[in-house]
Amino acid sequence: MTDMAGASGAKGPDELRRQIEQTRSQLGETVEELAGKMDVKGRARARAADLRDKAGAMTVQLRSSAAQAGHMAQERATKAGHRVHDGATKAGHRFQDGATKAGHKAHDRALQAGHSGQDAATGTGHELEHKAERSVPRPARSVVRAAVRHPRPVLVVGAAFAVAVVVAWRYPKK
């Protein structure tokens, strides 16, 4: 037995007892490890808990990323909306300026046409006045001039005279 004691490296009974205790402790740990590896339900629960923790962390990360992407998309859409609004405003102003210029041109042309027509009518009126003065006897010239300058009263008097003539012709005295 001394050979065995010498081969195992124990130098006495106390040393041997200590080595036996150490071996038992190591054997207990090994059995616990093997028992843990054999406990499939326990390992599955541990793995499921681990996966739940990872899934929760990933959910938080995905929500954060989605919120950030939503904010970025909203910001881009807002900027695009502002650009479209600014472009539409500028186009509206350009159209309004063009319409204003066209309106001014039309107004100017109408004024020119009105002045030309007025000048022509004035010239024709003066010409007719001179012709009337030359062709009317001298005592009636002042009446003709007044009629040319103020045609409304002359037209009223002429219309009244025409009505009197028509009535006299239509309803002769018996």
Protein backbone atom coordinates (compact mmCIF):
# COMPACT_ATOMS: atom_id res chain seq x y z
CA MET A 1 0.00 0.00 0.00
CA THR A 2 2.89 2.22 0.49
CA ASP A 3 3.54 1.85 -3.21
CA MET A 4 0.17 3.22 -4.04
CA ALA A 5 0.50 6.02 -1.59
CA GLY A 6 3.80 6.89 -3.17
CA ALA A 7 2.40 6.65 -6.71
CA SER A 8 -0.51 8.94 -6.03
CA GLY A 9 1.73 11.49 -4.51
CA ALA A 10 0.08 11.54 -1.05
CA LYS A 11 2.48 12.01 1.81
CA GLY A 12 0.32 10.85 4.58
CA PRO A 13 -3.23 10.12 5.54
CA ASP A 14 -4.19 13.78 5.86
CA GLU A 15 -2.89 14.53 2.43
CA LEU A 16 -4.77 11.52 1.09
CA ARG A 17 -8.00 12.67 2.69
CA ARG A 18 -7.55 16.11 1.22
CA GLN A 19 -7.03 14.67 -2.30
CA ILE A 20 -10.10 12.46 -1.88
CA GLU A 21 -12.16 15.52 -0.86
CA GLN A 22 -10.87 17.44 -3.84
CA THR A 23 -11.65 14.57 -6.19
CA ARG A 24 -15.15 14.26 -4.70
CA SER A 25 -15.71 18.00 -5.17
CA GLN A 26 -14.54 17.84 -8.80
CA LEU A 27 -16.69 14.78 -9.37
CA GLY A 28 -19.71 16.61 -7.87
CA GLU A 29 -19.15 19.58 -10.18
CA THR A 30 -18.81 17.26 -13.16
CA VAL A 31 -22.06 15.47 -12.19
CA GLU A 32 -23.82 18.85 -11.83
CA GLU A 33 -22.59 19.89 -15.28
CA LEU A 34 -23.75 16.61 -16.77
CA ALA A 35 -27.11 16.93 -14.98
CA GLY A 36 -27.45 20.47 -16.32
CA LYS A 37 -26.72 19.28 -19.83
CA MET A 38 -29.28 16.54 -19.43
CA ASP A 39 -31.97 18.98 -18.20
CA VAL A 40 -33.42 19.83 -21.66
CA LYS A 41 -36.42 21.76 -20.25
CA GLY A 42 -34.23 23.94 -18.09
CA ARG A 43 -31.84 24.68 -20.96
CA ALA A 44 -34.81 25.44 -23.26
CA ARG A 45 -36.28 27.83 -20.67
CA ALA A 46 -32.94 29.57 -20.28
CA ARG A 47 -32.54 29.84 -24.02
CA ALA A 48 -36.13 31.12 -24.40
CA ALA A 49 -35.52 33.75 -21.71
CA ASP A 50 -32.34 34.80 -23.48
CA LEU A 51 -34.15 35.04 -26.82
CA ARG A 52 -36.98 37.05 -25.22
CA ASP A 53 -34.47 39.51 -23.85
CA LYS A 54 -32.80 39.83 -27.26
CA ALA A 55 -36.20 40.20 -29.00
CA GLY A 56 -37.22 42.92 -26.54
CA ALA A 57 -33.99 44.80 -27.13
CA MET A 58 -34.39 44.42 -30.90
CA THR A 59 -38.01 45.64 -30.71
CA VAL A 60 -36.91 48.78 -28.89
CA GLN A 61 -34.17 49.34 -31.44
CA LEU A 62 -36.55 48.80 -34.39
CA ARG A 63 -39.15 51.17 -32.92
CA SER A 64 -36.49 53.79 -32.44
CA SER A 65 -35.24 53.33 -36.01
CA ALA A 66 -38.82 53.46 -37.36
CA ALA A 67 -39.56 56.64 -35.42
CA GLN A 68 -36.36 58.22 -36.68
CA ALA A 69 -37.18 57.21 -40.28
CA GLY A 70 -40.69 58.62 -39.85
CA HIS A 71 -39.33 61.93 -38.61
CA MET A 72 -36.88 62.09 -41.51
CA ALA A 73 -39.63 61.32 -44.03
CA GLN A 74 -41.88 63.96 -42.49
CA GLU A 75 -39.06 66.50 -42.60
CA ARG A 76 -38.33 65.72 -46.25
CA ALA A 77 -42.02 65.92 -47.16
CA THR A 78 -42.30 69.26 -45.38
CA LYS A 79 -39.30 70.62 -47.25
CA ALA A 80 -40.68 69.32 -50.57
CA GLY A 81 -44.04 70.91 -49.77
CA HIS A 82 -42.37 74.24 -49.06
CA ARG A 83 -40.44 74.03 -52.34
CA VAL A 84 -43.63 73.27 -54.29
CA HIS A 85 -45.47 76.10 -52.51
CA ASP A 86 -42.66 78.56 -53.24
CA GLY A 87 -42.57 77.51 -56.90
CA ALA A 88 -46.33 77.87 -57.22
CA THR A 89 -46.21 81.28 -55.58
CA LYS A 90 -43.48 82.43 -57.95
CA ALA A 91 -45.37 81.08 -60.96
CA GLY A 92 -48.52 82.85 -59.77
CA HIS A 93 -46.64 86.12 -59.43
CA ARG A 94 -45.12 85.73 -62.89
CA PHE A 95 -48.56 85.02 -64.36
CA GLN A 96 -50.04 87.99 -62.51
CA ASP A 97 -47.23 90.27 -63.77
CA GLY A 98 -47.77 89.05 -67.33
CA ALA A 99 -51.52 89.59 -67.08
CA THR A 100 -50.97 93.08 -65.65
CA LYS A 101 -48.61 93.98 -68.49
CA ALA A 102 -51.04 92.61 -71.08
CA GLY A 103 -53.86 94.59 -69.45
CA HIS A 104 -51.79 97.77 -69.56
CA LYS A 105 -50.95 97.20 -73.23
CA ALA A 106 -54.62 96.60 -74.08
CA HIS A 107 -55.59 99.73 -72.14
CA ASP A 108 -52.96 101.80 -73.94
CA ARG A 109 -54.11 100.51 -77.34
CA ALA A 110 -57.74 101.22 -76.47
CA LEU A 111 -56.78 104.75 -75.43
CA GLN A 112 -54.88 105.27 -78.67
CA ALA A 113 -57.82 103.93 -80.70
CA GLY A 114 -60.22 106.15 -78.72
CA HIS A 115 -58.05 109.21 -79.29
CA SER A 116 -57.73 108.41 -82.99
CA GLY A 117 -61.49 107.97 -83.30
CA GLN A 118 -62.13 111.13 -81.33
CA ASP A 119 -59.67 113.07 -83.51
CA ALA A 120 -61.31 111.73 -86.67
CA ALA A 121 -64.80 112.55 -85.37
CA THR A 122 -63.68 116.03 -84.34
CA GLY A 123 -62.14 116.61 -87.76
CA THR A 124 -65.27 115.36 -89.52
CA GLY A 125 -67.44 117.50 -87.24
CA HIS A 126 -65.44 120.63 -88.06
CA GLU A 127 -65.56 119.81 -91.74
CA LEU A 128 -69.34 119.33 -91.63
CA GLU A 129 -69.74 122.51 -89.64
CA HIS A 130 -67.81 124.48 -92.29
CA LYS A 131 -69.82 122.87 -95.12
CA ALA A 132 -73.08 123.63 -93.30
CA GLU A 133 -72.07 127.22 -92.70
CA ARG A 134 -71.25 127.70 -96.38
CA SER A 135 -74.42 126.06 -97.68
CA VAL A 136 -76.89 127.68 -95.24
CA PRO A 137 -78.08 131.22 -95.76
CA ARG A 138 -76.59 133.83 -93.45
CA PRO A 139 -79.56 134.38 -91.12
CA ALA A 140 -79.80 130.63 -90.32
CA ARG A 141 -76.08 130.07 -89.77
CA SER A 142 -76.17 130.80 -86.03
CA VAL A 143 -78.99 128.26 -85.60
CA VAL A 144 -77.03 125.62 -87.56
CA ARG A 145 -73.91 126.30 -85.50
CA ALA A 146 -75.88 125.89 -82.27
CA ALA A 147 -77.43 122.66 -83.60
CA VAL A 148 -74.00 121.24 -84.48
CA ARG A 149 -72.55 122.17 -81.08
CA HIS A 150 -75.57 121.00 -79.06
CA PRO A 151 -77.36 118.30 -81.07
CA ARG A 152 -79.68 116.98 -78.31
CA PRO A 153 -82.16 119.87 -78.13
CA VAL A 154 -82.25 120.05 -81.93
CA LEU A 155 -82.97 116.33 -82.12
CA VAL A 156 -85.83 116.68 -79.61
CA VAL A 157 -87.36 119.58 -81.54
CA GLY A 158 -86.88 117.70 -84.83
CA ALA A 159 -88.53 114.56 -83.42
CA ALA A 160 -91.49 116.63 -82.17
CA PHE A 161 -91.85 118.24 -85.59
CA ALA A 162 -91.70 114.81 -87.30
CA VAL A 163 -94.45 113.50 -85.00
CA ALA A 164 -96.62 116.52 -85.78
CA VAL A 165 -96.15 115.95 -89.53
CA VAL A 166 -97.02 112.23 -89.27
CA VAL A 167 -100.11 112.93 -87.16
CA ALA A 168 -101.29 115.62 -89.58
CA TRP A 169 -100.78 113.36 -92.56
CA ARG A 170 -102.37 110.32 -90.91
CA TYR A 171 -105.37 112.07 -89.43
CA PRO A 172 -106.30 114.83 -91.92
CA LYS A 173 -109.07 117.33 -91.01
CA LYS A 174 -112.46 116.50 -92.48
